Amino acid sequence: ADEEMNNQVQNAGQKTSRLRGTARLLKLAGKESFYLWLGIAVLLIRLPFSLSIPHFVSTTIGSLIDDDYDGAKRNVLLLFLSGTVDAILDFWVLFLFGYAKENIVKGVRIDTFAAMMRQEQAF
């Protein structure tokens, strides 16, 4: 593992693909990669709800311009529902990515401290 890391540092000037970079990140994440993938899945589920909000705002304004108050009520209700689902899923996205981040940073700190403790005492 150390030799591989040294090779990566030496080749840092070379361009790397996004897939290799993503693979390195997931390798660093270790067991937390499950939470990263789950966060990405929730993010993809959340995306349509987030994108629908401007649509419902514009159709509500269009309905009000056309004096279609029933259509405006329906669009406001759909705006409320999609905004609520978007907010709930946004919470889970932030929670999952934050949870993974905290555990990854904790692991890096523990590994760094352990490496420091293995050093010779005169160091």
Foldseek 3Di string as FASTA:
>chain_A
DVVVVVVCVVCVVPDDDPVVVVVVVCVLLVPLVVLVVVLVVLVVVLVVLVVCLVVLVVQLVVCVVVVNVVSNVVSVVSNVVSVVSNVVSVVSSCVSVVVSVVVSVVVVVVVVVVVVVPDDPVD
